[in-house]
Amino acid sequence: MTVEEYVARILPLPLDTTANPSLLEMFTPTIDAIKKLAFAPYFWFISDYTTLSIVAMDPGIENHVPFAASEWLANGPEVTLKIVHPDDLKMKIAYDSFQEAYLGSVSVERRKHLKFNIFFRIRDRQGSYRWYMTQMPDYRYDENGKIMFALRVAYDVSHIKTSGLAMMTLLDDEDPANQMFLSQSNASHKELISKLRKLTNREVEVIKLIAGGYLSKQIAARLGISPYTVENHKRNIFRKTDTRSAHELVAFAFTNGIV
């Protein structure tokens, strides 16, 4: 999703200046747990994915940014556009979109093992930018598994991260060897185009099936090839895309429009 598409989606939203008490109650146990386990100053908010709005906000938000909780509830997405560093905004939106798409592509049970961390800069009350790490520790979904409401928490990690690029990590506690790190530099577009051109049509088919959650034997059956050939394709794909795991490959595919 581009910044322009993001703006187009949020502008028609009706204003809502009151927090939703029932939703707040739903996420209260997780919010209380965050208070006990927080490793840095933080604020939380609850997003409604069906309307792209913020429906509940940490009253302490005013200690972090130059906007009150009531302003976030009335115009949350637009406030986000104003406080995220311009150099980080495009990648933040891309990472958020990837997280939503990736979680939607796996089972509800599988989601419990995936931990996303997104790092970007936020403007503070003094007008300076500080590094924050956002997580989504709790969410609710409909009968089809689509996320409807999510609790997000943003930690001030400027004491840990002081420079660099906006980035995202994905930790899989079910498979510790299968982790992912994503960071996009402004100078990498020519290299990216070169990688995409090296992929064959068959390799793109394999990537799409991997992104869809298919295992090698299932991919082989769908494409009418042997599992050995699938593994050979996967080795070539990892080499051509400079990825080291299925998670990194799926991230590459989502981020670069292959799926």
Protein backbone atom coordinates (compact mmCIF):
# COMPACT_ATOMS: atom_id res chain seq x y z
CA MET A 1 0.00 0.00 0.00
CA THR A 2 1.38 3.42 -0.95
CA VAL A 3 1.13 6.54 1.23
CA GLU A 4 -1.39 7.94 -1.26
CA GLU A 5 -3.57 4.81 -1.03
CA TYR A 6 -3.37 4.94 2.76
CA VAL A 7 -4.53 8.56 2.81
CA ALA A 8 -7.36 7.79 0.36
CA ARG A 9 -8.61 5.01 2.65
CA ILE A 10 -8.61 7.08 5.85
CA LEU A 11 -9.97 10.44 4.67
CA PRO A 12 -13.62 9.34 4.26
CA LEU A 13 -13.80 7.94 7.80
CA PRO A 14 -16.43 9.50 10.10
CA LEU A 15 -15.14 11.14 13.26
CA ASP A 16 -15.50 9.18 16.50
CA THR A 17 -14.46 11.03 19.63
CA THR A 18 -15.40 8.44 22.26
CA ALA A 19 -13.49 5.32 23.22
CA ASN A 20 -15.38 2.03 23.00
CA PRO A 21 -15.77 0.79 26.62
CA SER A 22 -16.63 -2.80 25.65
CA LEU A 23 -13.53 -3.14 23.48
CA LEU A 24 -11.38 -1.58 26.19
CA GLU A 25 -12.69 -4.12 28.69
CA MET A 26 -11.93 -6.93 26.22
CA PHE A 27 -8.24 -5.98 26.05
CA THR A 28 -7.79 -4.90 29.69
CA PRO A 29 -6.02 -8.13 30.83
CA THR A 30 -3.35 -7.68 28.14
CA ILE A 31 -2.99 -3.96 28.92
CA ASP A 32 -2.49 -4.83 32.61
CA ALA A 33 0.14 -7.42 31.66
CA ILE A 34 1.99 -4.81 29.57
CA LYS A 35 2.19 -2.54 32.64
CA LYS A 36 4.00 -5.28 34.57
CA LEU A 37 6.34 -6.37 31.77
CA ALA A 38 7.17 -3.09 30.01
CA PHE A 39 10.91 -2.58 29.48
CA ALA A 40 10.63 1.06 28.32
CA PRO A 41 8.18 4.00 28.32
CA TYR A 42 5.19 3.10 26.15
CA PHE A 43 1.67 3.89 25.04
CA TRP A 44 -1.07 1.60 23.73
CA PHE A 45 -4.06 1.98 21.43
CA ILE A 46 -6.79 -0.23 19.96
CA SER A 47 -7.35 -0.23 16.19
CA ASP A 48 -10.55 -1.13 14.37
CA TYR A 49 -9.47 -2.86 11.16
CA THR A 50 -12.97 -2.68 9.68
CA THR A 51 -12.95 1.14 9.61
CA LEU A 52 -9.21 1.88 9.88
CA SER A 53 -9.88 3.94 12.99
CA ILE A 54 -8.57 4.09 16.55
CA VAL A 55 -11.27 3.24 19.10
CA ALA A 56 -9.36 3.43 22.39
CA MET A 57 -6.18 5.27 23.36
CA ASP A 58 -3.80 5.27 26.31
CA PRO A 59 -4.46 8.48 28.31
CA GLY A 60 -0.69 8.74 28.73
CA ILE A 61 -0.20 9.36 25.01
CA GLU A 62 0.29 13.08 25.74
CA ASN A 63 3.61 12.24 27.43
CA HIS A 64 4.92 10.97 24.09
CA VAL A 65 3.50 13.01 21.22
CA PRO A 66 2.03 16.50 20.66
CA PHE A 67 -1.55 15.21 20.37
CA ALA A 68 -4.12 14.41 23.06
CA ALA A 69 -5.97 11.08 23.29
CA SER A 70 -9.17 12.78 22.11
CA GLU A 71 -7.42 13.92 18.90
CA TRP A 72 -6.28 10.35 18.19
CA LEU A 73 -9.79 9.02 18.70
CA ALA A 74 -11.22 11.65 16.36
CA ASN A 75 -8.55 11.49 13.68
CA GLY A 76 -6.10 8.71 14.55
CA PRO A 77 -4.84 7.66 11.12
CA GLU A 78 -4.32 11.26 10.02
CA VAL A 79 -2.46 12.01 13.25
CA THR A 80 -0.18 9.07 12.44
CA LEU A 81 0.73 10.68 9.13
CA LYS A 82 1.75 13.84 11.01
CA ILE A 83 3.99 12.27 13.65
CA VAL A 84 5.85 9.48 11.79
CA HIS A 85 9.19 10.59 10.33
CA PRO A 86 8.75 11.31 6.58
CA ASP A 87 11.65 8.98 5.73
CA ASP A 88 10.02 6.12 7.66
CA LEU A 89 6.36 6.56 6.69
CA LYS A 90 6.39 4.57 3.45
CA MET A 91 8.11 1.58 5.04
CA LYS A 92 5.93 1.71 8.17
CA ILE A 93 2.82 1.46 6.00
CA ALA A 94 4.42 -1.37 4.00
CA TYR A 95 5.34 -3.27 7.18
CA ASP A 96 1.86 -2.79 8.66
CA SER A 97 0.30 -4.03 5.41
CA PHE A 98 2.63 -7.03 5.33
CA GLN A 99 1.84 -7.93 8.95
CA GLU A 100 -1.91 -7.81 8.29
CA ALA A 101 -1.58 -9.85 5.07
CA TYR A 102 0.77 -12.42 6.58
CA LEU A 103 -1.39 -13.02 9.65
CA GLY A 104 -4.39 -13.38 7.35
CA SER A 105 -2.58 -16.06 5.35
CA VAL A 106 -1.93 -18.44 8.27
CA SER A 107 -4.22 -20.29 10.65
CA VAL A 108 -5.47 -18.73 13.88
CA GLU A 109 -3.45 -21.30 15.85
CA ARG A 110 -0.29 -20.47 13.88
CA ARG A 111 -0.64 -16.74 14.62
CA LYS A 112 -0.05 -17.35 18.32
CA HIS A 113 3.60 -18.19 17.59
CA LEU A 114 4.41 -15.13 15.45
CA LYS A 115 5.75 -11.93 17.03
CA PHE A 116 6.14 -8.84 14.82
CA ASN A 117 8.27 -5.84 15.85
CA ILE A 118 8.23 -2.69 13.70
CA PHE A 119 10.78 0.10 14.32
CA PHE A 120 10.32 3.69 13.12
CA ARG A 121 10.67 7.28 14.35
CA ILE A 122 7.88 9.30 16.00
CA ARG A 123 7.86 13.05 16.63
CA ASP A 124 7.76 13.92 20.34
CA ARG A 125 6.25 16.91 22.15
CA GLN A 126 9.43 18.95 21.63
CA GLY A 127 9.44 18.36 17.87
CA SER A 128 12.33 15.88 17.89
CA TYR A 129 12.09 12.34 16.52
CA ARG A 130 12.56 9.29 18.76
CA TRP A 131 12.75 5.61 17.83
CA TYR A 132 9.76 3.47 18.77
CA MET A 133 9.09 -0.25 18.46
CA THR A 134 5.46 -1.28 17.92
CA GLN A 135 3.96 -4.68 18.66
CA MET A 136 0.49 -6.23 18.36
CA PRO A 137 0.22 -8.45 21.47
CA ASP A 138 -3.52 -9.10 21.26
CA TYR A 139 -6.29 -9.04 18.66
CA ARG A 140 -9.79 -10.31 17.86
CA TYR A 141 -10.95 -11.82 14.58
CA ASP A 142 -14.23 -12.77 12.91
CA GLU A 143 -15.54 -16.24 12.08
CA ASN A 144 -13.41 -16.26 8.91
CA GLY A 145 -10.20 -15.54 10.81
CA LYS A 146 -9.97 -11.94 9.57
CA ILE A 147 -8.59 -9.50 12.15
CA MET A 148 -11.22 -7.00 13.31
CA PHE A 149 -9.67 -5.31 16.38
CA ALA A 150 -6.06 -5.17 17.52
CA LEU A 151 -4.28 -3.89 20.60
CA ARG A 152 -1.02 -2.20 19.64
CA VAL A 153 1.72 -1.00 21.97
CA ALA A 154 4.54 1.40 21.08
CA TYR A 155 7.72 1.34 23.19
CA ASP A 156 10.18 4.24 23.23
CA VAL A 157 13.43 2.43 22.34
CA SER A 158 15.50 5.52 21.60
CA HIS A 159 17.87 4.43 24.38
CA ILE A 160 18.58 1.26 22.38
CA LYS A 161 18.21 2.29 18.72
CA THR A 162 19.67 5.69 17.89
CA SER A 163 20.13 5.54 14.11
CA GLY A 164 19.57 3.46 11.01
CA LEU A 165 16.51 2.61 8.93
CA ALA A 166 12.91 1.75 9.70
CA MET A 167 12.77 -2.03 10.00
CA MET A 168 10.66 -5.03 10.94
CA THR A 169 11.47 -8.33 12.61
CA LEU A 170 9.34 -11.47 12.76
CA LEU A 171 10.07 -13.97 15.54
CA ASP A 172 8.62 -17.48 15.35
CA ASP A 173 8.62 -19.13 18.78
CA GLU A 174 7.45 -22.41 17.25
CA ASP A 175 10.53 -22.59 15.00
CA PRO A 176 13.44 -20.59 16.51
CA ALA A 177 15.57 -21.26 13.44
CA ASN A 178 13.03 -19.58 11.16
CA GLN A 179 13.26 -15.85 11.89
CA MET A 180 13.06 -12.79 9.66
CA PHE A 181 14.59 -9.31 9.49
CA LEU A 182 13.42 -6.69 6.99
CA SER A 183 15.01 -3.32 6.25
CA GLN A 184 14.79 -1.41 2.97
CA SER A 185 17.37 1.20 1.98
CA ASN A 186 16.69 3.92 -0.59
CA ALA A 187 19.59 2.69 -2.69
CA SER A 188 18.32 -0.89 -3.10
CA HIS A 189 15.75 -0.48 -5.90
CA LYS A 190 18.10 -1.34 -8.79
CA GLU A 191 19.27 -4.42 -6.91
CA LEU A 192 15.63 -5.40 -6.25
CA ILE A 193 14.68 -5.11 -9.94
CA SER A 194 17.68 -7.27 -10.82
CA LYS A 195 16.54 -9.95 -8.36
CA LEU A 196 12.99 -10.00 -9.73
CA ARG A 197 14.18 -10.33 -13.32
CA LYS A 198 16.25 -13.41 -12.42
CA LEU A 199 13.18 -15.34 -11.24
CA THR A 200 11.62 -17.75 -13.74
CA ASN A 201 7.84 -18.11 -14.17
CA ARG A 202 7.98 -21.49 -12.43
CA GLU A 203 9.91 -20.02 -9.50
CA VAL A 204 7.28 -17.28 -9.13
CA GLU A 205 4.59 -20.01 -9.03
CA VAL A 206 6.51 -21.77 -6.27
CA ILE A 207 6.89 -18.51 -4.30
CA LYS A 208 3.13 -17.86 -4.48
CA LEU A 209 2.36 -21.35 -3.18
CA ILE A 210 4.89 -21.00 -0.35
CA ALA A 211 3.25 -17.69 0.58
CA GLY A 212 -0.08 -19.52 0.58
CA GLY A 213 1.20 -21.90 3.23
CA TYR A 214 1.77 -24.95 1.01
CA LEU A 215 4.49 -27.47 1.91
CA SER A 216 6.90 -28.93 -0.64
CA LYS A 217 4.88 -32.12 -1.21
CA GLN A 218 1.70 -30.10 -1.70
CA ILE A 219 3.46 -27.74 -4.12
CA ALA A 220 4.75 -30.73 -6.07
CA ALA A 221 1.24 -32.19 -6.35
CA ARG A 222 -0.28 -28.88 -7.49
CA LEU A 223 2.40 -28.25 -10.12
CA GLY A 224 2.76 -31.85 -11.25
CA ILE A 225 6.46 -32.05 -10.42
CA SER A 226 8.50 -34.06 -7.95
CA PRO A 227 9.23 -32.87 -4.37
CA TYR A 228 12.94 -33.01 -5.29
CA THR A 229 12.33 -30.50 -8.09
CA VAL A 230 10.43 -28.26 -5.68
CA GLU A 231 13.35 -28.29 -3.26
CA ASN A 232 15.69 -27.45 -6.12
CA HIS A 233 13.46 -24.51 -7.08
CA LYS A 234 13.45 -23.33 -3.46
CA ARG A 235 17.26 -23.40 -3.27
CA ASN A 236 17.48 -21.33 -6.45
CA ILE A 237 14.83 -18.91 -5.20
CA PHE A 238 16.61 -18.37 -1.86
CA ARG A 239 19.85 -17.70 -3.72
CA LYS A 240 18.31 -15.29 -6.23
CA THR A 241 16.34 -13.31 -3.63
CA ASP A 242 19.03 -13.35 -0.91
CA THR A 243 16.57 -14.86 1.55
CA ARG A 244 17.39 -17.58 4.04
CA SER A 245 14.03 -18.90 5.21
CA ALA A 246 10.41 -19.27 4.19
CA HIS A 247 9.50 -16.28 6.41
CA GLU A 248 12.04 -14.01 4.68
CA LEU A 249 10.92 -15.24 1.26
CA VAL A 250 7.24 -14.58 2.01
CA ALA A 251 8.15 -11.12 3.28
CA PHE A 252 10.10 -10.47 0.07
CA ALA A 253 7.12 -11.65 -1.98
CA PHE A 254 4.56 -9.50 -0.14
CA THR A 255 6.77 -6.42 -0.01
CA ASN A 256 7.61 -6.55 -3.72
CA GLY A 257 4.23 -7.39 -5.17
CA ILE A 258 4.86 -11.02 -6.17
CA VAL A 259 1.75 -12.09 -4.24
